[in-house]
PDB file of N, CA and C in Angstrom:
ATOM      1  N   SER A   1     135.278 134.461  91.686  1.00  0.00           N
ATOM      2  CA  SER A   1     134.264 135.512  91.754  1.00  0.00           C
ATOM      3  C   SER A   1     133.992 135.867  93.220  1.00  0.00           C
ATOM      4  N   THR A   2     134.122 134.920  94.087  1.00  0.00           N
ATOM      5  CA  THR A   2     133.771 135.148  95.526  1.00  0.00           C
ATOM      6  C   THR A   2     134.741 136.008  96.186  1.00  0.00           C
ATOM      7  N   ILE A   3     136.079 135.681  96.007  1.00  0.00           N
ATOM      8  CA  ILE A   3     137.044 136.403  96.871  1.00  0.00           C
ATOM      9  C   ILE A   3     137.172 137.846  96.318  1.00  0.00           C
ATOM     10  N   THR A   4     136.756 138.195  95.163  1.00  0.00           N
ATOM     11  CA  THR A   4     136.858 139.649  94.702  1.00  0.00           C
ATOM     12  C   THR A   4     135.458 140.396  94.957  1.00  0.00           C
ATOM     13  N   ASN A   5     134.579 139.744  95.425  1.00  0.00           N
ATOM     14  CA  ASN A   5     133.165 140.346  95.529  1.00  0.00           C
ATOM     15  C   ASN A   5     132.970 140.879  97.040  1.00  0.00           C
ATOM     16  N   PRO A   6     132.930 142.290  97.219  1.00  0.00           N
ATOM     17  CA  PRO A   6     132.697 142.838  98.382  1.00  0.00           C
ATOM     18  C   PRO A   6     131.370 142.557  99.163  1.00  0.00           C
ATOM     19  N   LYS A   7     130.434 141.935  98.456  1.00  0.00           N
ATOM     20  CA  LYS A   7     129.232 141.552  99.035  1.00  0.00           C
ATOM     21  C   LYS A   7     129.362 140.166  99.671  1.00  0.00           C
ATOM     22  N   ARG A   8     130.384 139.468  99.388  1.00  0.00           N
ATOM     23  CA  ARG A   8     130.654 138.094  99.871  1.00  0.00           C
ATOM     24  C   ARG A   8     131.787 137.966 100.978  1.00  0.00           C
ATOM     25  N   VAL A   9     132.684 138.906 100.742  1.00  0.00           N
ATOM     26  CA  VAL A   9     133.900 138.852 101.776  1.00  0.00           C
ATOM     27  C   VAL A   9     134.242 140.300 102.271  1.00  0.00           C
ATOM     28  N   THR A  10     134.625 140.379 103.512  1.00  0.00           N
ATOM     29  CA  THR A  10     134.934 141.645 104.117  1.00  0.00           C
ATOM     30  C   THR A  10     136.158 142.367 103.543  1.00  0.00           C
ATOM     31  N   ASP A  11     137.069 141.569 103.006  1.00  0.00           N
ATOM     32  CA  ASP A  11     138.292 142.184 102.463  1.00  0.00           C
ATOM     33  C   ASP A  11     138.534 141.548 101.095  1.00  0.00           C
ATOM     34  N   PRO A  12     137.880 141.996 100.066  1.00  0.00           N
ATOM     35  CA  PRO A  12     137.970 141.410  98.750  1.00  0.00           C
ATOM     36  C   PRO A  12     139.348 141.502  98.163  1.00  0.00           C
ATOM     37  N   ALA A  13     139.677 140.477  97.412  1.00  0.00           N
ATOM     38  CA  ALA A  13     140.984 140.510  96.703  1.00  0.00           C
ATOM     39  C   ALA A  13     140.962 141.231  95.460  1.00  0.00           C
ATOM     40  N   SER A  14     142.049 141.661  95.033  1.00  0.00           N
ATOM     41  CA  SER A  14     142.138 142.358  93.681  1.00  0.00           C
ATOM     42  C   SER A  14     142.084 141.282  92.656  1.00  0.00           C
ATOM     43  N   PRO A  15     141.848 141.562  91.303  1.00  0.00           N
ATOM     44  CA  PRO A  15     142.023 140.569  90.345  1.00  0.00           C
ATOM     45  C   PRO A  15     143.384 139.870  90.305  1.00  0.00           C
ATOM     46  N   ALA A  16     144.434 140.697  90.551  1.00  0.00           N
ATOM     47  CA  ALA A  16     145.786 140.006  90.496  1.00  0.00           C
ATOM     48  C   ALA A  16     145.927 139.088  91.672  1.00  0.00           C
ATOM     49  N   GLU A  17     145.378 139.397  92.897  1.00  0.00           N
ATOM     50  CA  GLU A  17     145.565 138.532  94.039  1.00  0.00           C
ATOM     51  C   GLU A  17     144.726 137.200  93.749  1.00  0.00           C
ATOM     52  N   ALA A  18     143.455 137.479  93.134  1.00  0.00           N
ATOM     53  CA  ALA A  18     142.756 136.266  92.823  1.00  0.00           C
ATOM     54  C   ALA A  18     143.438 135.267  91.855  1.00  0.00           C
ATOM     55  N   ILE A  19     144.117 135.873  90.963  1.00  0.00           N
ATOM     56  CA  ILE A  19     144.879 135.050  89.963  1.00  0.00           C
ATOM     57  C   ILE A  19     146.043 134.269  90.733  1.00  0.00           C
ATOM     58  N   GLN A  20     146.693 134.907  91.659  1.00  0.00           N
ATOM     59  CA  GLN A  20     147.615 134.163  92.495  1.00  0.00           C
ATOM     60  C   GLN A  20     147.104 133.062  93.226  1.00  0.00           C
ATOM     61  N   GLU A  21     145.926 133.270  93.753  1.00  0.00           N
ATOM     62  CA  GLU A  21     145.240 132.157  94.561  1.00  0.00           C
ATOM     63  C   GLU A  21     144.862 130.987  93.656  1.00  0.00           C
ATOM     64  N   ILE A  22     144.275 131.360  92.401  1.00  0.00           N
ATOM     65  CA  ILE A  22     144.031 130.297  91.521  1.00  0.00           C
ATOM     66  C   ILE A  22     145.266 129.558  91.105  1.00  0.00           C
ATOM     67  N   GLU A  23     146.387 130.203  90.757  1.00  0.00           N
ATOM     68  CA  GLU A  23     147.604 129.532  90.443  1.00  0.00           C
ATOM     69  C   GLU A  23     148.108 128.667  91.561  1.00  0.00           C
ATOM     70  N   LYS A  24     147.881 129.058  92.768  1.00  0.00           N
ATOM     71  CA  LYS A  24     148.263 128.141  93.920  1.00  0.00           C
ATOM     72  C   LYS A  24     147.619 126.754  93.762  1.00  0.00           C
ATOM     73  N   TYR A  25     146.294 126.853  93.618  1.00  0.00           N
ATOM     74  CA  TYR A  25     145.549 125.627  93.625  1.00  0.00           C
ATOM     75  C   TYR A  25     145.781 124.786  92.319  1.00  0.00           C
ATOM     76  N   PHE A  26     146.053 125.478  91.199  1.00  0.00           N
ATOM     77  CA  PHE A  26     146.331 124.890  89.938  1.00  0.00           C
ATOM     78  C   PHE A  26     147.535 124.068  89.944  1.00  0.00           C
ATOM     79  N   THR A  27     148.625 124.589  90.748  1.00  0.00           N
ATOM     80  CA  THR A  27     149.967 123.889  90.697  1.00  0.00           C
ATOM     81  C   THR A  27     150.091 122.906  91.770  1.00  0.00           C
ATOM     82  N   ARG A  28     149.178 122.668  92.643  1.00  0.00           N
ATOM     83  CA  ARG A  28     149.317 121.710  93.761  1.00  0.00           C
ATOM     84  C   ARG A  28     148.935 120.408  93.290  1.00  0.00           C
ATOM     85  N   SER A  29     149.841 119.391  93.546  1.00  0.00           N
ATOM     86  CA  SER A  29     149.656 118.027  93.094  1.00  0.00           C
ATOM     87  C   SER A  29     148.514 117.428  93.910  1.00  0.00           C
ATOM     88  N   TRP A  30     148.187 117.799  95.136  1.00  0.00           N
ATOM     89  CA  TRP A  30     147.238 117.132  95.876  1.00  0.00           C
ATOM     90  C   TRP A  30     145.834 117.623  95.405  1.00  0.00           C
ATOM     91  N   ASN A  31     145.733 118.643  94.665  1.00  0.00           N
ATOM     92  CA  ASN A  31     144.383 119.098  94.190  1.00  0.00           C
ATOM     93  C   ASN A  31     144.103 118.521  92.823  1.00  0.00           C
ATOM     94  N   ALA A  32     143.131 117.611  92.865  1.00  0.00           N
ATOM     95  CA  ALA A  32     142.739 116.830  91.566  1.00  0.00           C
ATOM     96  C   ALA A  32     141.997 117.894  90.702  1.00  0.00           C
ATOM     97  N   LYS A  33     142.375 117.833  89.376  1.00  0.00           N
ATOM     98  CA  LYS A  33     141.793 118.650  88.395  1.00  0.00           C
ATOM     99  C   LYS A  33     140.887 117.819  87.561  1.00  0.00           C
ATOM    100  N   ILE A  34     139.657 118.206  87.283  1.00  0.00           N
ATOM    101  CA  ILE A  34     138.848 117.457  86.356  1.00  0.00           C
ATOM    102  C   ILE A  34     138.439 118.314  85.145  1.00  0.00           C
ATOM    103  N   HIS A  35     138.126 117.678  84.058  1.00  0.00           N
ATOM    104  CA  HIS A  35     137.790 118.376  82.936  1.00  0.00           C
ATOM    105  C   HIS A  35     136.623 117.689  82.272  1.00  0.00           C
ATOM    106  N   PRO A  36     135.781 118.448  81.487  1.00  0.00           N
ATOM    107  CA  PRO A  36     134.609 117.774  80.931  1.00  0.00           C
ATOM    108  C   PRO A  36     135.111 116.636  79.910  1.00  0.00           C
ATOM    109  N   LYS A  37     134.448 115.470  80.107  1.00  0.00           N
ATOM    110  CA  LYS A  37     134.714 114.371  79.303  1.00  0.00           C
ATOM    111  C   LYS A  37     133.764 114.437  78.188  1.00  0.00           C
ATOM    112  N   GLU A  38     133.951 113.577  77.120  1.00  0.00           N
ATOM    113  CA  GLU A  38     133.118 113.519  75.967  1.00  0.00           C
ATOM    114  C   GLU A  38     131.529 113.328  76.334  1.00  0.00           C
ATOM    115  N   GLU A  39     131.334 112.573  77.380  1.00  0.00           N
ATOM    116  CA  GLU A  39     129.907 112.293  77.727  1.00  0.00           C
ATOM    117  C   GLU A  39     129.282 113.450  78.601  1.00  0.00           C
ATOM    118  N   ALA A  40     130.039 114.541  78.893  1.00  0.00           N
ATOM    119  CA  ALA A  40     129.555 115.559  79.765  1.00  0.00           C
ATOM    120  C   ALA A  40     128.441 116.320  79.007  1.00  0.00           C
ATOM    121  N   LEU A  41     128.457 116.431  77.749  1.00  0.00           N
ATOM    122  CA  LEU A  41     127.312 117.085  77.063  1.00  0.00           C
ATOM    123  C   LEU A  41     126.017 116.298  77.147  1.00  0.00           C
ATOM    124  N   ALA A  42     126.150 114.925  77.015  1.00  0.00           N
ATOM    125  CA  ALA A  42     124.972 114.135  77.085  1.00  0.00           C
ATOM    126  C   ALA A  42     124.422 114.120  78.509  1.00  0.00           C
ATOM    127  N   ILE A  43     125.311 114.192  79.494  1.00  0.00           N
ATOM    128  CA  ILE A  43     124.877 114.247  80.916  1.00  0.00           C
ATOM    129  C   ILE A  43     124.190 115.588  81.183  1.00  0.00           C
ATOM    130  N   THR A  44     124.797 116.690  80.641  1.00  0.00           N
ATOM    131  CA  THR A  44     124.198 117.970  80.744  1.00  0.00           C
ATOM    132  C   THR A  44     122.732 117.998  80.177  1.00  0.00           C
ATOM    133  N   LEU A  45     122.476 117.397  79.058  1.00  0.00           N
ATOM    134  CA  LEU A  45     121.175 117.350  78.491  1.00  0.00           C
ATOM    135  C   LEU A  45     120.328 116.485  79.356  1.00  0.00           C
ATOM    136  N   GLU A  46     120.726 115.472  79.946  1.00  0.00           N
ATOM    137  CA  GLU A  46     119.899 114.637  80.801  1.00  0.00           C
ATOM    138  C   GLU A  46     119.635 115.418  82.104  1.00  0.00           C
ATOM    139  N   LEU A  47     120.466 116.060  82.700  1.00  0.00           N
ATOM    140  CA  LEU A  47     120.301 116.911  83.821  1.00  0.00           C
ATOM    141  C   LEU A  47     119.297 118.010  83.494  1.00  0.00           C
ATOM    142  N   LEU A  48     119.316 118.644  82.292  1.00  0.00           N
ATOM    143  CA  LEU A  48     118.505 119.681  81.920  1.00  0.00           C
ATOM    144  C   LEU A  48     117.009 119.179  81.873  1.00  0.00           C
ATOM    145  N   LYS A  49     116.843 117.975  81.530  1.00  0.00           N
ATOM    146  CA  LYS A  49     115.441 117.277  81.587  1.00  0.00           C
ATOM    147  C   LYS A  49     114.894 117.166  82.956  1.00  0.00           C
ATOM    148  N   ARG A  50     115.779 116.882  83.930  1.00  0.00           N
ATOM    149  CA  ARG A  50     115.423 116.699  85.310  1.00  0.00           C
ATOM    150  C   ARG A  50     115.258 118.055  86.112  1.00  0.00           C
ATOM    151  N   TYR A  51     116.195 119.011  85.723  1.00  0.00           N
ATOM    152  CA  TYR A  51     116.326 120.283  86.457  1.00  0.00           C
ATOM    153  C   TYR A  51     116.271 121.387  85.424  1.00  0.00           C
ATOM    154  N   PRO A  52     115.088 121.916  85.235  1.00  0.00           N
ATOM    155  CA  PRO A  52     114.904 122.956  84.173  1.00  0.00           C
ATOM    156  C   PRO A  52     115.537 124.286  84.736  1.00  0.00           C
ATOM    157  N   VAL A  53     116.741 124.502  84.540  1.00  0.00           N
ATOM    158  CA  VAL A  53     117.508 125.676  85.006  1.00  0.00           C
ATOM    159  C   VAL A  53     117.341 126.676  84.014  1.00  0.00           C
ATOM    160  N   LYS A  54     117.638 127.922  84.391  1.00  0.00           N
ATOM    161  CA  LYS A  54     117.581 129.151  83.715  1.00  0.00           C
ATOM    162  C   LYS A  54     118.791 130.026  83.927  1.00  0.00           C
ATOM    163  N   GLN A  55     119.018 130.936  82.948  1.00  0.00           N
ATOM    164  CA  GLN A  55     120.017 131.906  83.116  1.00  0.00           C
ATOM    165  C   GLN A  55     121.372 131.297  83.596  1.00  0.00           C
ATOM    166  N   MET A  56     121.978 131.935  84.563  1.00  0.00           N
ATOM    167  CA  MET A  56     123.347 131.559  85.033  1.00  0.00           C
ATOM    168  C   MET A  56     123.375 130.150  85.685  1.00  0.00           C
ATOM    169  N   GLU A  57     122.263 129.631  86.059  1.00  0.00           N
ATOM    170  CA  GLU A  57     122.265 128.287  86.637  1.00  0.00           C
ATOM    171  C   GLU A  57     122.711 127.169  85.804  1.00  0.00           C
ATOM    172  N   ILE A  58     122.759 127.495  84.480  1.00  0.00           N
ATOM    173  CA  ILE A  58     123.289 126.467  83.519  1.00  0.00           C
ATOM    174  C   ILE A  58     124.782 126.147  83.831  1.00  0.00           C
ATOM    175  N   PHE A  59     125.505 127.138  84.254  1.00  0.00           N
ATOM    176  CA  PHE A  59     126.981 126.872  84.585  1.00  0.00           C
ATOM    177  C   PHE A  59     127.088 125.910  85.763  1.00  0.00           C
ATOM    178  N   ASP A  60     126.240 126.021  86.739  1.00  0.00           N
ATOM    179  CA  ASP A  60     126.235 125.018  87.839  1.00  0.00           C
ATOM    180  C   ASP A  60     125.789 123.645  87.381  1.00  0.00           C
ATOM    181  N   LEU A  61     124.915 123.574  86.511  1.00  0.00           N
ATOM    182  CA  LEU A  61     124.495 122.248  85.996  1.00  0.00           C
ATOM    183  C   LEU A  61     125.547 121.583  85.195  1.00  0.00           C
ATOM    184  N   GLN A  62     126.270 122.420  84.323  1.00  0.00           N
ATOM    185  CA  GLN A  62     127.508 121.880  83.603  1.00  0.00           C
ATOM    186  C   GLN A  62     128.532 121.439  84.466  1.00  0.00           C
ATOM    187  N   LEU A  63     128.774 122.085  85.581  1.00  0.00           N
ATOM    188  CA  LEU A  63     129.813 121.697  86.649  1.00  0.00           C
ATOM    189  C   LEU A  63     129.319 120.348  87.166  1.00  0.00           C
ATOM    190  N   VAL A  64     128.053 120.196  87.444  1.00  0.00           N
ATOM    191  CA  VAL A  64     127.579 118.882  87.951  1.00  0.00           C
ATOM    192  C   VAL A  64     127.799 117.818  86.996  1.00  0.00           C
ATOM    193  N   ALA A  65     127.466 118.075  85.715  1.00  0.00           N
ATOM    194  CA  ALA A  65     127.707 117.105  84.626  1.00  0.00           C
ATOM    195  C   ALA A  65     129.244 116.795  84.535  1.00  0.00           C
ATOM    196  N   THR A  66     130.089 117.719  84.600  1.00  0.00           N
ATOM    197  CA  THR A  66     131.575 117.462  84.558  1.00  0.00           C
ATOM    198  C   THR A  66     131.925 116.480  85.820  1.00  0.00           C
ATOM    199  N   MET A  67     131.409 116.885  86.916  1.00  0.00           N
ATOM    200  CA  MET A  67     131.634 116.115  88.160  1.00  0.00           C
ATOM    201  C   MET A  67     131.157 114.621  87.929  1.00  0.00           C
ATOM    202  N   ILE A  68     129.910 114.385  87.378  1.00  0.00           N
ATOM    203  CA  ILE A  68     129.425 113.106  87.148  1.00  0.00           C
ATOM    204  C   ILE A  68     130.320 112.366  86.214  1.00  0.00           C
ATOM    205  N   SER A  69     130.685 112.985  85.082  1.00  0.00           N
ATOM    206  CA  SER A  69     131.579 112.282  84.062  1.00  0.00           C
ATOM    207  C   SER A  69     132.878 111.974  84.595  1.00  0.00           C
ATOM    208  N   ASN A  70     133.320 112.515  85.792  1.00  0.00           N
ATOM    209  CA  ASN A  70     134.577 112.240  86.380  1.00  0.00           C
ATOM    210  C   ASN A  70     134.427 111.424  87.714  1.00  0.00           C
ATOM    211  N   GLN A  71     133.204 110.939  87.964  1.00  0.00           N
ATOM    212  CA  GLN A  71     132.922 110.169  89.203  1.00  0.00           C
ATOM    213  C   GLN A  71     133.187 110.935  90.366  1.00  0.00           C
ATOM    214  N   VAL A  72     133.019 112.318  90.417  1.00  0.00           N
ATOM    215  CA  VAL A  72     133.181 113.044  91.570  1.00  0.00           C
ATOM    216  C   VAL A  72     131.743 113.203  92.197  1.00  0.00           C
ATOM    217  N   LYS A  73     131.630 112.903  93.472  1.00  0.00           N
ATOM    218  CA  LYS A  73     130.408 112.850  94.084  1.00  0.00           C
ATOM    219  C   LYS A  73     130.046 113.951  95.134  1.00  0.00           C
ATOM    220  N   ARG A  74     131.136 114.818  95.365  1.00  0.00           N
ATOM    221  CA  ARG A  74     130.980 115.764  96.447  1.00  0.00           C
ATOM    222  C   ARG A  74     131.686 117.123  95.950  1.00  0.00           C
ATOM    223  N   ILE A  75     130.923 118.251  96.319  1.00  0.00           N
ATOM    224  CA  ILE A  75     131.489 119.551  95.972  1.00  0.00           C
ATOM    225  C   ILE A  75     131.351 120.381  97.252  1.00  0.00           C
ATOM    226  N   PHE A  76     132.453 121.186  97.570  1.00  0.00           N
ATOM    227  CA  PHE A  76     132.619 122.110  98.646  1.00  0.00           C
ATOM    228  C   PHE A  76     132.472 123.478  98.135  1.00  0.00           C
ATOM    229  N   THR A  77     131.468 124.213  98.678  1.00  0.00           N
ATOM    230  CA  THR A  77     131.149 125.512  98.036  1.00  0.00           C
ATOM    231  C   THR A  77     130.555 126.483  99.148  1.00  0.00           C
ATOM    232  N   VAL A  78     130.603 127.711  98.927  1.00  0.00           N
ATOM    233  CA  VAL A  78     130.017 128.742  99.724  1.00  0.00           C
ATOM    234  C   VAL A  78     128.500 128.936  99.188  1.00  0.00           C
ATOM    235  N   ASN A  79     128.188 128.332  98.009  1.00  0.00           N
ATOM    236  CA  ASN A  79     126.963 128.590  97.400  1.00  0.00           C
ATOM    237  C   ASN A  79     125.979 127.228  97.502  1.00  0.00           C
ATOM    238  N   ARG A  80     125.783 126.780  98.717  1.00  0.00           N
ATOM    239  CA  ARG A  80     125.120 125.498  98.876  1.00  0.00           C
ATOM    240  C   ARG A  80     123.767 125.549  98.098  1.00  0.00           C
ATOM    241  N   ASP A  81     123.010 126.618  98.100  1.00  0.00           N
ATOM    242  CA  ASP A  81     121.732 126.675  97.506  1.00  0.00           C
ATOM    243  C   ASP A  81     121.854 126.492  95.921  1.00  0.00           C
ATOM    244  N   ASP A  82     122.907 126.866  95.419  1.00  0.00           N
ATOM    245  CA  ASP A  82     123.033 126.683  93.906  1.00  0.00           C
ATOM    246  C   ASP A  82     123.146 125.191  93.596  1.00  0.00           C
ATOM    247  N   PHE A  83     123.547 124.344  94.415  1.00  0.00           N
ATOM    248  CA  PHE A  83     123.792 122.976  94.085  1.00  0.00           C
ATOM    249  C   PHE A  83     122.856 122.016  94.754  1.00  0.00           C
ATOM    250  N   ALA A  84     122.110 122.471  95.805  1.00  0.00           N
ATOM    251  CA  ALA A  84     121.250 121.640  96.649  1.00  0.00           C
ATOM    252  C   ALA A  84     120.248 120.821  95.880  1.00  0.00           C
ATOM    253  N   LYS A  85     119.700 121.302  94.814  1.00  0.00           N
ATOM    254  CA  LYS A  85     118.691 120.625  94.000  1.00  0.00           C
ATOM    255  C   LYS A  85     119.212 119.390  93.300  1.00  0.00           C
ATOM    256  N   PHE A  86     120.465 119.267  93.080  1.00  0.00           N
ATOM    257  CA  PHE A  86     121.089 118.178  92.353  1.00  0.00           C
ATOM    258  C   PHE A  86     121.308 116.896  93.235  1.00  0.00           C
ATOM    259  N   THR A  87     120.475 115.979  93.136  1.00  0.00           N
ATOM    260  CA  THR A  87     120.557 114.815  94.105  1.00  0.00           C
ATOM    261  C   THR A  87     121.714 113.927  93.680  1.00  0.00           C
ATOM    262  N   GLU A  88     122.293 114.079  92.516  1.00  0.00           N
ATOM    263  CA  GLU A  88     123.437 113.241  92.065  1.00  0.00           C
ATOM    264  C   GLU A  88     124.719 113.523  92.850  1.00  0.00           C
ATOM    265  N   ILE A  89     124.820 114.593  93.508  1.00  0.00           N
ATOM    266  CA  ILE A  89     125.956 114.993  94.249  1.00  0.00           C
ATOM    267  C   ILE A  89     125.645 115.323  95.694  1.00  0.00           C
ATOM    268  N   GLU A  90     126.787 115.364  96.529  1.00  0.00           N
ATOM    269  CA  GLU A  90     126.656 115.838  97.865  1.00  0.00           C
ATOM    270  C   GLU A  90     127.279 117.170  97.938  1.00  0.00           C
ATOM    271  N   VAL A  91     126.614 118.021  98.591  1.00  0.00           N
ATOM    272  CA  VAL A  91     127.094 119.426  98.689  1.00  0.00           C
ATOM    273  C   VAL A  91     127.571 119.695 100.108  1.00  0.00           C
ATOM    274  N   MET A  92     128.690 120.234 100.298  1.00  0.00           N
ATOM    275  CA  MET A  92     129.259 120.558 101.555  1.00  0.00           C
ATOM    276  C   MET A  92     129.575 122.115 101.458  1.00  0.00           C
ATOM    277  N   GLU A  93     129.102 122.708 102.535  1.00  0.00           N
ATOM    278  CA  GLU A  93     129.368 124.205 102.682  1.00  0.00           C
ATOM    279  C   GLU A  93     130.596 124.459 103.407  1.00  0.00           C
ATOM    280  N   ILE A  94     131.367 125.416 102.889  1.00  0.00           N
ATOM    281  CA  ILE A  94     132.590 125.879 103.524  1.00  0.00           C
ATOM    282  C   ILE A  94     132.492 127.149 104.192  1.00  0.00           C
TER     283      ILE A  94
END
């Protein structure tokens, strides 16, 4: 969503270009891929009790739950503020 958004980048990519970029990351062996594990839903519910999110913030919370279920402690993002409230992870701005 970031690279196609003219409000976020000066030269936004087309949807086709964005797909090409995603495919590059998806096919690289050095890029670890994580998936929600069975406990991710329970972690999501626990996080919801600590962080009463609303609207689209639920997707960030679910990502944090997936990170926790995979023992991932750090996220690199352009949206630091979206994740700063979650003390369970370290947020690095790119």
